Amino acid sequence: MDPLSQAGLGASLSQSFVTSGRQYWPALIIGALAGMAPDLDVLISSREDPLLFLEYHRQFSHSLVFIPVGALICALIVVAASRISWLSTGLSFRQIYLFSLLGYATHGLLDACTSYGTQLFWPFSTERFAWNTVSIIDPLFSIPVLALVIVAAVKKQRKYASIAFVYAVLFLAAGQLQKMRAETAMYALAESRGHVIVDQQVKPSFGNRIVWKLIYEADGYYYIDAVRLWPEPEIIEGDTIRKLDVNSDFPWLPADSQQARDIERFRWFSAGFLAVKPDDPNVVFDVRYSFLPNEVDMMWGIELDRYVIEQGMLDRHVDYTINNRADSATRRRFTKMVLTW
């Protein structure tokens, strides 16, 4: 999730284990920083290999077995920083490590609740867990949690931090119930169309859990729709796009080329939900994400280069392309979709 959500949840758990009044602010700061620390893996990148960061983001630093190691690194940094007088925490190493451990432990599990995919069991498995119960940014999650951990520090009362953590857990659990309602609506929609679902994903749209994105594969196509769950489920029908077929879409691409291997790397990242961009036959994009939940609208993808293949440069990587800005008209349509019923 976003850094503020990660910071708030990490702080809520670390503050829940304080034993004296002077520990509240240090527990908040250490837990928040440790809660955000795993996302430093985004710094792992390569100019020569644009997809390298996709392989390492939410990998080892987010793994459950790495939690004690990541917490130790955080604790050592805090100890080093506390040697500066005005940064001193007044805590023992054991206390610093405990708060770091609690904060760090929340990160991977919270990320797994989103749709991006998190390798919780690396190095034993490269499976990307995505439980799809909360948006990457959701103010109804982050704001109450952050507010409560600050209140806990100001009032020096642990109960507010515990309330924040319990609220977060219940909020995420409630998302599973909403997801089940959205899945029921999707299967009913597919049945009404005479489709047999081969693969599917259901996830909340940006910043809310009222409108959910529905994606299912049938007969070689992806059907992208949305459902508004409040006050009653209402389908918002959307777009259709053909599933990527490398052999037919890129007959000129040698199977032993780096670009072909990069497609498979991107397929792993995207859980197989790939298609060719309608207005650019050289771009393959992740169908799971779009600005409007019922439309085909690329947010990120990879661009192939036929010219380098024709020149015999089979070791060249694809380019990574991203479109992360929605225009004002799209934002207005999305707002209306969420707030109008």
C-alpha atoms as a PDB file:
ATOM      1  CA  MET A   1       0.000   0.000   0.000  1.00  0.00           C
ATOM      2  CA  ASP A   2       0.985   3.646   0.096  1.00  0.00           C
ATOM      3  CA  PRO A   3       3.760   4.679   2.535  1.00  0.00           C
ATOM      4  CA  LEU A   4       1.411   6.456   4.957  1.00  0.00           C
ATOM      5  CA  SER A   5      -0.749   3.346   5.349  1.00  0.00           C
ATOM      6  CA  GLN A   6       2.338   1.211   5.894  1.00  0.00           C
ATOM      7  CA  ALA A   7       3.700   3.709   8.426  1.00  0.00           C
ATOM      8  CA  GLY A   8       0.430   3.902  10.330  1.00  0.00           C
ATOM      9  CA  LEU A   9      -0.048   0.148  10.579  1.00  0.00           C
ATOM     10  CA  GLY A  10       3.570  -0.425  11.599  1.00  0.00           C
ATOM     11  CA  ALA A  11       3.301   2.242  14.286  1.00  0.00           C
ATOM     12  CA  SER A  12       0.004   0.884  15.590  1.00  0.00           C
ATOM     13  CA  LEU A  13       1.496  -2.541  16.283  1.00  0.00           C
ATOM     14  CA  SER A  14       4.755  -1.260  17.767  1.00  0.00           C
ATOM     15  CA  GLN A  15       2.909   1.196  20.037  1.00  0.00           C
ATOM     16  CA  SER A  16       0.681  -1.627  21.230  1.00  0.00           C
ATOM     17  CA  PHE A  17       3.708  -3.105  23.018  1.00  0.00           C
ATOM     18  CA  VAL A  18       5.060  -0.055  24.843  1.00  0.00           C
ATOM     19  CA  THR A  19       5.690  -0.435  28.571  1.00  0.00           C
ATOM     20  CA  SER A  20       6.212   3.160  29.681  1.00  0.00           C
ATOM     21  CA  GLY A  21       5.074   6.662  28.776  1.00  0.00           C
ATOM     22  CA  ARG A  22       8.414   7.742  27.326  1.00  0.00           C
ATOM     23  CA  GLN A  23       8.278   4.981  24.716  1.00  0.00           C
ATOM     24  CA  TYR A  24       5.222   6.160  22.772  1.00  0.00           C
ATOM     25  CA  TRP A  25       6.862   8.614  20.378  1.00  0.00           C
ATOM     26  CA  PRO A  26       9.951   6.433  19.765  1.00  0.00           C
ATOM     27  CA  ALA A  27       7.675   3.431  19.171  1.00  0.00           C
ATOM     28  CA  LEU A  28       5.615   5.461  16.720  1.00  0.00           C
ATOM     29  CA  ILE A  29       8.664   6.673  14.800  1.00  0.00           C
ATOM     30  CA  ILE A  30      10.521   3.346  14.794  1.00  0.00           C
ATOM     31  CA  GLY A  31       7.407   1.340  13.944  1.00  0.00           C
ATOM     32  CA  ALA A  32       6.462   3.748  11.158  1.00  0.00           C
ATOM     33  CA  LEU A  33       9.931   3.758   9.602  1.00  0.00           C
ATOM     34  CA  ALA A  34      10.257  -0.026   9.859  1.00  0.00           C
ATOM     35  CA  GLY A  35       6.759  -0.350   8.418  1.00  0.00           C
ATOM     36  CA  MET A  36       7.843   1.577   5.336  1.00  0.00           C
ATOM     37  CA  ALA A  37      11.380   0.162   5.032  1.00  0.00           C
ATOM     38  CA  PRO A  38      10.667  -2.888   2.818  1.00  0.00           C
ATOM     39  CA  ASP A  39       9.689  -0.601  -0.054  1.00  0.00           C
ATOM     40  CA  LEU A  40      13.296   0.558  -0.357  1.00  0.00           C
ATOM     41  CA  ASP A  41      13.590  -2.384  -2.756  1.00  0.00           C
ATOM     42  CA  VAL A  42      12.324  -0.008  -5.468  1.00  0.00           C
ATOM     43  CA  LEU A  43      15.889   1.294  -5.591  1.00  0.00           C
ATOM     44  CA  ILE A  44      16.956  -1.969  -7.221  1.00  0.00           C
ATOM     45  CA  SER A  45      16.857  -1.127 -10.916  1.00  0.00           C
ATOM     46  CA  SER A  46      18.879  -1.284 -14.111  1.00  0.00           C
ATOM     47  CA  ARG A  47      19.066   0.934 -17.160  1.00  0.00           C
ATOM     48  CA  GLU A  48      19.935  -2.072 -19.307  1.00  0.00           C
ATOM     49  CA  ASP A  49      17.084  -4.208 -17.940  1.00  0.00           C
ATOM     50  CA  PRO A  50      13.940  -2.101 -17.414  1.00  0.00           C
ATOM     51  CA  LEU A  51      12.018  -5.038 -15.913  1.00  0.00           C
ATOM     52  CA  LEU A  52      14.518  -5.791 -13.168  1.00  0.00           C
ATOM     53  CA  PHE A  53      12.659  -3.657 -10.625  1.00  0.00           C
ATOM     54  CA  LEU A  54       9.457  -5.629 -11.257  1.00  0.00           C
ATOM     55  CA  GLU A  55      11.215  -8.810 -10.196  1.00  0.00           C
ATOM     56  CA  TYR A  56      12.673  -7.339  -7.000  1.00  0.00           C
ATOM     57  CA  HIS A  57       9.871  -5.070  -5.799  1.00  0.00           C
ATOM     58  CA  ARG A  58       7.862  -6.961  -3.168  1.00  0.00           C
ATOM     59  CA  GLN A  59      10.345  -9.826  -3.291  1.00  0.00           C
ATOM     60  CA  PHE A  60      12.960 -10.658  -0.619  1.00  0.00           C
ATOM     61  CA  SER A  61      12.348  -7.513   1.459  1.00  0.00           C
ATOM     62  CA  HIS A  62       8.652  -8.435   1.719  1.00  0.00           C
ATOM     63  CA  SER A  63       9.172 -12.118   2.463  1.00  0.00           C
ATOM     64  CA  LEU A  64       8.030 -13.497   5.797  1.00  0.00           C
ATOM     65  CA  VAL A  65      11.409 -15.162   6.434  1.00  0.00           C
ATOM     66  CA  PHE A  66      13.207 -11.846   5.909  1.00  0.00           C
ATOM     67  CA  ILE A  67      11.279 -10.045   8.662  1.00  0.00           C
ATOM     68  CA  PRO A  68      13.841 -10.666  11.447  1.00  0.00           C
ATOM     69  CA  VAL A  69      16.691  -9.634   9.144  1.00  0.00           C
ATOM     70  CA  GLY A  70      14.939  -6.519   7.872  1.00  0.00           C
ATOM     71  CA  ALA A  71      14.034  -5.559  11.432  1.00  0.00           C
ATOM     72  CA  LEU A  72      17.645  -5.999  12.525  1.00  0.00           C
ATOM     73  CA  ILE A  73      18.847  -3.684   9.755  1.00  0.00           C
ATOM     74  CA  CYS A  74      16.275  -1.075  10.789  1.00  0.00           C
ATOM     75  CA  ALA A  75      17.241  -1.417  14.450  1.00  0.00           C
ATOM     76  CA  LEU A  76      20.954  -0.990  13.721  1.00  0.00           C
ATOM     77  CA  ILE A  77      20.236   2.168  11.730  1.00  0.00           C
ATOM     78  CA  VAL A  78      18.143   3.564  14.598  1.00  0.00           C
ATOM     79  CA  VAL A  79      20.915   2.744  17.096  1.00  0.00           C
ATOM     80  CA  ALA A  80      23.480   4.473  14.892  1.00  0.00           C
ATOM     81  CA  ALA A  81      21.247   7.520  14.486  1.00  0.00           C
ATOM     82  CA  SER A  82      20.503   7.694  18.225  1.00  0.00           C
ATOM     83  CA  ARG A  83      24.166   8.418  18.924  1.00  0.00           C
ATOM     84  CA  ILE A  84      23.361  11.921  17.746  1.00  0.00           C
ATOM     85  CA  SER A  85      22.098  13.569  20.918  1.00  0.00           C
ATOM     86  CA  TRP A  86      18.941  15.129  19.516  1.00  0.00           C
ATOM     87  CA  LEU A  87      17.997  11.815  17.853  1.00  0.00           C
ATOM     88  CA  SER A  88      18.502   9.728  20.963  1.00  0.00           C
ATOM     89  CA  THR A  89      15.593   7.401  21.725  1.00  0.00           C
ATOM     90  CA  GLY A  90      16.547   6.507  25.273  1.00  0.00           C
ATOM     91  CA  LEU A  91      15.687   2.890  24.489  1.00  0.00           C
ATOM     92  CA  SER A  92      17.758  -0.256  24.847  1.00  0.00           C
ATOM     93  CA  PHE A  93      18.730  -2.213  21.734  1.00  0.00           C
ATOM     94  CA  ARG A  94      16.258  -4.909  22.716  1.00  0.00           C
ATOM     95  CA  GLN A  95      13.410  -2.387  22.799  1.00  0.00           C
ATOM     96  CA  ILE A  96      14.475  -0.807  19.500  1.00  0.00           C
ATOM     97  CA  TYR A  97      14.633  -4.216  17.839  1.00  0.00           C
ATOM     98  CA  LEU A  98      11.212  -5.180  19.196  1.00  0.00           C
ATOM     99  CA  PHE A  99       9.576  -2.038  17.792  1.00  0.00           C
ATOM    100  CA  SER A 100      11.404  -2.521  14.486  1.00  0.00           C
ATOM    101  CA  LEU A 101      10.317  -6.147  14.298  1.00  0.00           C
ATOM    102  CA  LEU A 102       6.672  -5.342  14.955  1.00  0.00           C
ATOM    103  CA  GLY A 103       6.620  -2.507  12.434  1.00  0.00           C
ATOM    104  CA  TYR A 104       8.471  -4.455   9.744  1.00  0.00           C
ATOM    105  CA  ALA A 105       6.248  -7.527  10.190  1.00  0.00           C
ATOM    106  CA  THR A 106       3.125  -5.665   9.091  1.00  0.00           C
ATOM    107  CA  HIS A 107       4.424  -4.569   5.690  1.00  0.00           C
ATOM    108  CA  GLY A 108       4.361  -7.692   3.525  1.00  0.00           C
ATOM    109  CA  LEU A 109       1.010  -8.905   4.812  1.00  0.00           C
ATOM    110  CA  LEU A 110      -0.603  -5.518   4.223  1.00  0.00           C
ATOM    111  CA  ASP A 111       0.799  -5.400   0.689  1.00  0.00           C
ATOM    112  CA  ALA A 112      -0.578  -8.884   0.019  1.00  0.00           C
ATOM    113  CA  CYS A 113      -4.062  -7.477   0.660  1.00  0.00           C
ATOM    114  CA  THR A 114      -3.716  -5.358  -2.510  1.00  0.00           C
ATOM    115  CA  SER A 115      -3.728  -6.509  -6.140  1.00  0.00           C
ATOM    116  CA  TYR A 116      -0.063  -5.896  -7.052  1.00  0.00           C
ATOM    117  CA  GLY A 117       1.314  -9.218  -5.811  1.00  0.00           C
ATOM    118  CA  THR A 118       3.744  -9.947  -2.961  1.00  0.00           C
ATOM    119  CA  GLN A 119       6.228 -12.836  -2.713  1.00  0.00           C
ATOM    120  CA  LEU A 120       5.498 -13.758   0.882  1.00  0.00           C
ATOM    121  CA  PHE A 121       7.286 -17.125   0.733  1.00  0.00           C
ATOM    122  CA  TRP A 122      10.429 -16.144  -1.144  1.00  0.00           C
ATOM    123  CA  PRO A 123      12.931 -17.870  -1.580  1.00  0.00           C
ATOM    124  CA  PHE A 124      10.867 -21.049  -1.330  1.00  0.00           C
ATOM    125  CA  SER A 125       8.278 -19.825  -3.828  1.00  0.00           C
ATOM    126  CA  THR A 126       7.999 -17.003  -6.362  1.00  0.00           C
ATOM    127  CA  GLU A 127       4.210 -16.967  -6.161  1.00  0.00           C
ATOM    128  CA  ARG A 128       2.834 -13.449  -5.926  1.00  0.00           C
ATOM    129  CA  PHE A 129       0.059 -13.280  -3.341  1.00  0.00           C
ATOM    130  CA  ALA A 130      -2.626 -10.716  -4.123  1.00  0.00           C
ATOM    131  CA  TRP A 131      -5.749 -11.036  -1.982  1.00  0.00           C
ATOM    132  CA  ASN A 132      -7.427  -8.020  -3.626  1.00  0.00           C
ATOM    133  CA  THR A 133      -9.275  -6.764  -0.571  1.00  0.00           C
ATOM    134  CA  VAL A 134      -8.111  -3.143  -0.479  1.00  0.00           C
ATOM    135  CA  SER A 135      -6.937  -0.507  -2.933  1.00  0.00           C
ATOM    136  CA  ILE A 136      -3.273   0.540  -2.887  1.00  0.00           C
ATOM    137  CA  ILE A 137      -4.551   3.884  -1.570  1.00  0.00           C
ATOM    138  CA  ASP A 138      -7.658   3.998   0.603  1.00  0.00           C
ATOM    139  CA  PRO A 139      -8.224   7.044   2.868  1.00  0.00           C
ATOM    140  CA  LEU A 140     -10.775   5.162   4.950  1.00  0.00           C
ATOM    141  CA  PHE A 141      -7.971   2.814   5.940  1.00  0.00           C
ATOM    142  CA  SER A 142      -5.021   5.149   6.361  1.00  0.00           C
ATOM    143  CA  ILE A 143      -6.552   8.258   7.958  1.00  0.00           C
ATOM    144  CA  PRO A 144      -8.178   6.598  11.017  1.00  0.00           C
ATOM    145  CA  VAL A 145      -5.084   4.468  11.673  1.00  0.00           C
ATOM    146  CA  LEU A 146      -2.719   7.439  11.475  1.00  0.00           C
ATOM    147  CA  ALA A 147      -4.992   9.587  13.626  1.00  0.00           C
ATOM    148  CA  LEU A 148      -5.227   6.953  16.343  1.00  0.00           C
ATOM    149  CA  VAL A 149      -1.465   6.325  16.591  1.00  0.00           C
ATOM    150  CA  ILE A 150      -0.874  10.061  16.965  1.00  0.00           C
ATOM    151  CA  VAL A 151      -3.547  10.237  19.675  1.00  0.00           C
ATOM    152  CA  ALA A 152      -1.866   7.289  21.413  1.00  0.00           C
ATOM    153  CA  ALA A 153       1.465   9.135  21.447  1.00  0.00           C
ATOM    154  CA  VAL A 154      -0.026  12.429  22.609  1.00  0.00           C
ATOM    155  CA  LYS A 155      -2.174  10.935  25.337  1.00  0.00           C
ATOM    156  CA  LYS A 156       0.345   8.186  26.148  1.00  0.00           C
ATOM    157  CA  GLN A 157      -2.389   5.579  26.122  1.00  0.00           C
ATOM    158  CA  ARG A 158      -1.726   2.269  24.450  1.00  0.00           C
ATOM    159  CA  LYS A 159      -5.392   1.519  23.902  1.00  0.00           C
ATOM    160  CA  TYR A 160      -5.603   3.955  20.989  1.00  0.00           C
ATOM    161  CA  ALA A 161      -2.802   2.158  19.153  1.00  0.00           C
ATOM    162  CA  SER A 162      -4.488  -1.181  19.787  1.00  0.00           C
ATOM    163  CA  ILE A 163      -7.770   0.219  18.492  1.00  0.00           C
ATOM    164  CA  ALA A 164      -5.951   1.398  15.354  1.00  0.00           C
ATOM    165  CA  PHE A 165      -4.518  -2.071  14.726  1.00  0.00           C
ATOM    166  CA  VAL A 166      -7.826  -3.829  15.353  1.00  0.00           C
ATOM    167  CA  TYR A 167      -9.584  -1.324  13.076  1.00  0.00           C
ATOM    168  CA  ALA A 168      -7.070  -2.078  10.318  1.00  0.00           C
ATOM    169  CA  VAL A 169      -7.560  -5.835  10.639  1.00  0.00           C
ATOM    170  CA  LEU A 170     -11.360  -5.533  10.624  1.00  0.00           C
ATOM    171  CA  PHE A 171     -11.244  -3.138   7.676  1.00  0.00           C
ATOM    172  CA  LEU A 172      -9.182  -5.611   5.649  1.00  0.00           C
ATOM    173  CA  ALA A 173     -11.412  -8.522   6.692  1.00  0.00           C
ATOM    174  CA  ALA A 174     -14.517  -6.610   5.628  1.00  0.00           C
ATOM    175  CA  GLY A 175     -12.884  -6.168   2.244  1.00  0.00           C
ATOM    176  CA  GLN A 176     -13.014  -9.940   1.787  1.00  0.00           C
ATOM    177  CA  LEU A 177     -16.776  -9.869   2.262  1.00  0.00           C
ATOM    178  CA  GLN A 178     -17.096  -7.098  -0.330  1.00  0.00           C
ATOM    179  CA  LYS A 179     -14.885  -9.080  -2.683  1.00  0.00           C
ATOM    180  CA  MET A 180     -17.180 -12.101  -2.368  1.00  0.00           C
ATOM    181  CA  ARG A 181     -20.180  -9.918  -3.289  1.00  0.00           C
ATOM    182  CA  ALA A 182     -18.313  -8.597  -6.316  1.00  0.00           C
ATOM    183  CA  GLU A 183     -17.340 -12.114  -7.408  1.00  0.00           C
ATOM    184  CA  THR A 184     -20.958 -13.239  -7.150  1.00  0.00           C
ATOM    185  CA  ALA A 185     -21.987 -10.370  -9.407  1.00  0.00           C
ATOM    186  CA  MET A 186     -19.242 -11.219 -11.900  1.00  0.00           C
ATOM    187  CA  TYR A 187     -20.184 -14.891 -12.176  1.00  0.00           C
ATOM    188  CA  ALA A 188     -23.841 -13.967 -12.647  1.00  0.00           C
ATOM    189  CA  LEU A 189     -22.842 -11.534 -15.393  1.00  0.00           C
ATOM    190  CA  ALA A 190     -20.712 -14.133 -17.167  1.00  0.00           C
ATOM    191  CA  GLU A 191     -23.522 -16.678 -16.957  1.00  0.00           C
ATOM    192  CA  SER A 192     -25.982 -14.192 -18.461  1.00  0.00           C
ATOM    193  CA  ARG A 193     -23.605 -13.818 -21.420  1.00  0.00           C
ATOM    194  CA  GLY A 194     -23.197 -17.563 -21.842  1.00  0.00           C
ATOM    195  CA  HIS A 195     -19.514 -17.445 -20.887  1.00  0.00           C
ATOM    196  CA  VAL A 196     -17.459 -20.058 -19.065  1.00  0.00           C
ATOM    197  CA  ILE A 197     -14.814 -18.270 -17.007  1.00  0.00           C
ATOM    198  CA  VAL A 198     -11.255 -19.541 -17.526  1.00  0.00           C
ATOM    199  CA  ASP A 199      -9.501 -17.027 -15.271  1.00  0.00           C
ATOM    200  CA  GLN A 200     -10.640 -13.996 -13.299  1.00  0.00           C
ATOM    201  CA  GLN A 201      -9.707 -11.195 -10.948  1.00  0.00           C
ATOM    202  CA  VAL A 202     -11.895  -8.979  -8.822  1.00  0.00           C
ATOM    203  CA  LYS A 203     -10.412  -5.968  -7.077  1.00  0.00           C
ATOM    204  CA  PRO A 204     -11.492  -2.649  -5.563  1.00  0.00           C
ATOM    205  CA  SER A 205     -11.092   0.407  -7.751  1.00  0.00           C
ATOM    206  CA  PHE A 206      -8.846   3.270  -6.712  1.00  0.00           C
ATOM    207  CA  GLY A 207      -9.342   4.704  -3.237  1.00  0.00           C
ATOM    208  CA  ASN A 208     -12.672   3.034  -2.389  1.00  0.00           C
ATOM    209  CA  ARG A 209     -14.556  -0.223  -1.952  1.00  0.00           C
ATOM    210  CA  ILE A 210     -17.850   0.835  -3.460  1.00  0.00           C
ATOM    211  CA  VAL A 211     -16.912   0.214  -7.102  1.00  0.00           C
ATOM    212  CA  TRP A 212     -15.018  -2.962  -7.951  1.00  0.00           C
ATOM    213  CA  LYS A 213     -13.227  -3.912 -11.139  1.00  0.00           C
ATOM    214  CA  LEU A 214     -14.279  -7.239 -12.670  1.00  0.00           C
ATOM    215  CA  ILE A 215     -12.016  -9.044 -15.148  1.00  0.00           C
ATOM    216  CA  TYR A 216     -12.617 -12.486 -16.523  1.00  0.00           C
ATOM    217  CA  GLU A 217     -11.259 -14.512 -19.419  1.00  0.00           C
ATOM    218  CA  ALA A 218     -13.563 -16.474 -21.723  1.00  0.00           C
ATOM    219  CA  ASP A 219     -13.016 -17.809 -25.239  1.00  0.00           C
ATOM    220  CA  GLY A 220      -9.666 -16.075 -25.602  1.00  0.00           C
ATOM    221  CA  TYR A 221     -10.938 -12.610 -24.608  1.00  0.00           C
ATOM    222  CA  TYR A 222     -10.863 -10.514 -21.469  1.00  0.00           C
ATOM    223  CA  TYR A 223     -14.125  -8.936 -20.371  1.00  0.00           C
ATOM    224  CA  ILE A 224     -13.623  -5.857 -18.218  1.00  0.00           C
ATOM    225  CA  ASP A 225     -16.614  -4.574 -16.274  1.00  0.00           C
ATOM    226  CA  ALA A 226     -17.325  -2.919 -12.932  1.00  0.00           C
ATOM    227  CA  VAL A 227     -19.862  -3.380 -10.193  1.00  0.00           C
ATOM    228  CA  ARG A 228     -21.123  -0.751  -7.781  1.00  0.00           C
ATOM    229  CA  LEU A 229     -21.914  -2.559  -4.526  1.00  0.00           C
ATOM    230  CA  TRP A 230     -23.745   0.210  -2.719  1.00  0.00           C
ATOM    231  CA  PRO A 231     -26.626   0.331  -1.987  1.00  0.00           C
ATOM    232  CA  GLU A 232     -27.262  -2.788  -4.104  1.00  0.00           C
ATOM    233  CA  PRO A 233     -24.976  -4.490  -6.644  1.00  0.00           C
ATOM    234  CA  GLU A 234     -25.231  -2.769 -10.030  1.00  0.00           C
ATOM    235  CA  ILE A 235     -23.195  -3.859 -13.045  1.00  0.00           C
ATOM    236  CA  ILE A 236     -21.437  -1.182 -15.105  1.00  0.00           C
ATOM    237  CA  GLU A 237     -20.645  -2.949 -18.359  1.00  0.00           C
ATOM    238  CA  GLY A 238     -17.353  -2.179 -20.029  1.00  0.00           C
ATOM    239  CA  ASP A 239     -14.781  -3.200 -22.622  1.00  0.00           C
ATOM    240  CA  THR A 240     -13.556  -6.410 -24.213  1.00  0.00           C
ATOM    241  CA  ILE A 241     -10.078  -7.159 -25.515  1.00  0.00           C
ATOM    242  CA  ARG A 242      -8.395 -10.223 -26.986  1.00  0.00           C
ATOM    243  CA  LYS A 243      -5.887 -12.040 -24.809  1.00  0.00           C
ATOM    244  CA  LEU A 244      -2.243 -11.842 -25.852  1.00  0.00           C
ATOM    245  CA  ASP A 245      -1.118 -14.583 -28.221  1.00  0.00           C
ATOM    246  CA  VAL A 246       2.607 -14.137 -28.794  1.00  0.00           C
ATOM    247  CA  ASN A 247       2.765 -16.355 -31.876  1.00  0.00           C
ATOM    248  CA  SER A 248      -0.002 -14.539 -33.729  1.00  0.00           C
ATOM    249  CA  ASP A 249       0.599 -11.036 -32.347  1.00  0.00           C
ATOM    250  CA  PHE A 250       4.384 -11.100 -32.858  1.00  0.00           C
ATOM    251  CA  PRO A 251       5.180 -13.665 -35.594  1.00  0.00           C
ATOM    252  CA  TRP A 252       8.490 -11.875 -36.201  1.00  0.00           C
ATOM    253  CA  LEU A 253       9.730 -12.410 -32.634  1.00  0.00           C
ATOM    254  CA  PRO A 254      12.229 -15.284 -32.186  1.00  0.00           C
ATOM    255  CA  ALA A 255      11.442 -17.464 -29.199  1.00  0.00           C
ATOM    256  CA  ASP A 256      15.072 -17.322 -28.041  1.00  0.00           C
ATOM    257  CA  SER A 257      15.265 -13.509 -28.061  1.00  0.00           C
ATOM    258  CA  GLN A 258      15.501 -11.421 -24.899  1.00  0.00           C
ATOM    259  CA  GLN A 259      12.317  -9.590 -25.843  1.00  0.00           C
ATOM    260  CA  ALA A 260      10.422 -12.894 -25.932  1.00  0.00           C
ATOM    261  CA  ARG A 261      11.816 -13.770 -22.511  1.00  0.00           C
ATOM    262  CA  ASP A 262      10.833 -10.328 -21.257  1.00  0.00           C
ATOM    263  CA  ILE A 263       7.233 -10.958 -22.311  1.00  0.00           C
ATOM    264  CA  GLU A 264       7.225 -14.063 -20.127  1.00  0.00           C
ATOM    265  CA  ARG A 265       8.729 -12.094 -17.221  1.00  0.00           C
ATOM    266  CA  PHE A 266       5.994  -9.503 -17.625  1.00  0.00           C
ATOM    267  CA  ARG A 267       3.393 -12.274 -17.875  1.00  0.00           C
ATOM    268  CA  TRP A 268       4.544 -13.609 -14.491  1.00  0.00           C
ATOM    269  CA  PHE A 269       4.308 -10.144 -12.974  1.00  0.00           C
ATOM    270  CA  SER A 270       0.838  -9.559 -14.443  1.00  0.00           C
ATOM    271  CA  ALA A 271      -0.562 -12.968 -13.427  1.00  0.00           C
ATOM    272  CA  GLY A 272      -1.045 -13.693 -17.136  1.00  0.00           C
ATOM    273  CA  PHE A 273      -3.463 -10.825 -17.767  1.00  0.00           C
ATOM    274  CA  LEU A 274      -1.809  -9.425 -20.889  1.00  0.00           C
ATOM    275  CA  ALA A 275      -3.083  -7.935 -24.123  1.00  0.00           C
ATOM    276  CA  VAL A 276      -1.765  -5.863 -27.014  1.00  0.00           C
ATOM    277  CA  LYS A 277      -2.536  -2.161 -26.744  1.00  0.00           C
ATOM    278  CA  PRO A 278      -5.327  -1.400 -29.258  1.00  0.00           C
ATOM    279  CA  ASP A 279      -3.643   1.683 -30.730  1.00  0.00           C
ATOM    280  CA  ASP A 280      -0.069   0.372 -30.676  1.00  0.00           C
ATOM    281  CA  PRO A 281       0.644  -3.199 -31.902  1.00  0.00           C
ATOM    282  CA  ASN A 282       4.123  -3.169 -30.372  1.00  0.00           C
ATOM    283  CA  VAL A 283       2.985  -2.572 -26.774  1.00  0.00           C
ATOM    284  CA  VAL A 284       1.883  -5.331 -24.394  1.00  0.00           C
ATOM    285  CA  PHE A 285       0.103  -4.092 -21.270  1.00  0.00           C
ATOM    286  CA  ASP A 286      -1.242  -5.297 -17.944  1.00  0.00           C
ATOM    287  CA  VAL A 287      -5.023  -5.573 -18.323  1.00  0.00           C
ATOM    288  CA  ARG A 288      -5.591  -5.642 -14.559  1.00  0.00           C
ATOM    289  CA  TYR A 289      -5.097  -1.893 -14.185  1.00  0.00           C
ATOM    290  CA  SER A 290      -6.892   1.060 -15.745  1.00  0.00           C
ATOM    291  CA  PHE A 291      -8.020   4.509 -14.680  1.00  0.00           C
ATOM    292  CA  LEU A 292     -11.684   3.584 -15.047  1.00  0.00           C
ATOM    293  CA  PRO A 293     -12.499   0.122 -13.706  1.00  0.00           C
ATOM    294  CA  ASN A 294     -14.701  -0.889 -16.645  1.00  0.00           C
ATOM    295  CA  GLU A 295     -12.377   0.227 -19.439  1.00  0.00           C
ATOM    296  CA  VAL A 296      -9.278  -0.972 -21.274  1.00  0.00           C
ATOM    297  CA  ASP A 297      -6.825   1.827 -20.587  1.00  0.00           C
ATOM    298  CA  MET A 298      -3.134   1.020 -20.178  1.00  0.00           C
ATOM    299  CA  MET A 299      -1.356   2.163 -17.044  1.00  0.00           C
ATOM    300  CA  TRP A 300       1.871   0.239 -17.642  1.00  0.00           C
ATOM    301  CA  GLY A 301       3.266  -2.117 -20.207  1.00  0.00           C
ATOM    302  CA  ILE A 302       6.279  -3.125 -22.281  1.00  0.00           C
ATOM    303  CA  GLU A 303       7.189  -1.961 -25.773  1.00  0.00           C
ATOM    304  CA  LEU A 304       8.816  -4.338 -28.245  1.00  0.00           C
ATOM    305  CA  ASP A 305      11.215  -3.203 -30.971  1.00  0.00           C
ATOM    306  CA  ARG A 306      11.009  -5.102 -34.248  1.00  0.00           C
ATOM    307  CA  TYR A 307      13.881  -3.133 -35.743  1.00  0.00           C
ATOM    308  CA  VAL A 308      16.492  -4.468 -33.311  1.00  0.00           C
ATOM    309  CA  ILE A 309      15.290  -8.012 -34.011  1.00  0.00           C
ATOM    310  CA  GLU A 310      15.668  -7.457 -37.769  1.00  0.00           C
ATOM    311  CA  GLN A 311      19.175  -6.178 -37.088  1.00  0.00           C
ATOM    312  CA  GLY A 312      20.010  -9.408 -35.278  1.00  0.00           C
ATOM    313  CA  MET A 313      20.266  -7.839 -31.799  1.00  0.00           C
ATOM    314  CA  LEU A 314      18.486 -10.635 -29.968  1.00  0.00           C
ATOM    315  CA  ASP A 315      19.929  -9.679 -26.576  1.00  0.00           C
ATOM    316  CA  ARG A 316      18.155  -6.314 -26.359  1.00  0.00           C
ATOM    317  CA  HIS A 317      15.498  -5.848 -23.679  1.00  0.00           C
ATOM    318  CA  VAL A 318      12.028  -4.395 -24.134  1.00  0.00           C
ATOM    319  CA  ASP A 319      11.261  -0.875 -22.945  1.00  0.00           C
ATOM    320  CA  TYR A 320       9.011  -0.322 -19.943  1.00  0.00           C
ATOM    321  CA  THR A 321       6.318   2.288 -20.490  1.00  0.00           C
ATOM    322  CA  ILE A 322       3.976   3.838 -17.974  1.00  0.00           C
ATOM    323  CA  ASN A 323       0.960   6.119 -18.065  1.00  0.00           C
ATOM    324  CA  ASN A 324       0.065   7.130 -14.527  1.00  0.00           C
ATOM    325  CA  ARG A 325      -1.875  10.333 -15.076  1.00  0.00           C
ATOM    326  CA  ALA A 326      -5.599  10.497 -15.731  1.00  0.00           C
ATOM    327  CA  ASP A 327      -7.058  13.556 -17.419  1.00  0.00           C
ATOM    328  CA  SER A 328      -9.690  15.702 -15.717  1.00  0.00           C
ATOM    329  CA  ALA A 329     -12.553  14.188 -17.718  1.00  0.00           C
ATOM    330  CA  THR A 330     -11.561  10.683 -16.610  1.00  0.00           C
ATOM    331  CA  ARG A 331     -11.316  11.798 -12.979  1.00  0.00           C
ATOM    332  CA  ARG A 332     -14.792  13.333 -13.169  1.00  0.00           C
ATOM    333  CA  ARG A 333     -16.240  10.151 -14.672  1.00  0.00           C
ATOM    334  CA  PHE A 334     -14.629   8.040 -11.969  1.00  0.00           C
ATOM    335  CA  THR A 335     -15.880  10.305  -9.185  1.00  0.00           C
ATOM    336  CA  LYS A 336     -19.396  10.147 -10.596  1.00  0.00           C
ATOM    337  CA  MET A 337     -19.141   6.355 -10.852  1.00  0.00           C
ATOM    338  CA  VAL A 338     -18.246   6.070  -7.171  1.00  0.00           C
ATOM    339  CA  LEU A 339     -20.502   8.721  -5.668  1.00  0.00           C
ATOM    340  CA  THR A 340     -23.650   8.412  -7.800  1.00  0.00           C
ATOM    341  CA  TRP A 341     -26.293   5.798  -7.107  1.00  0.00           C
END
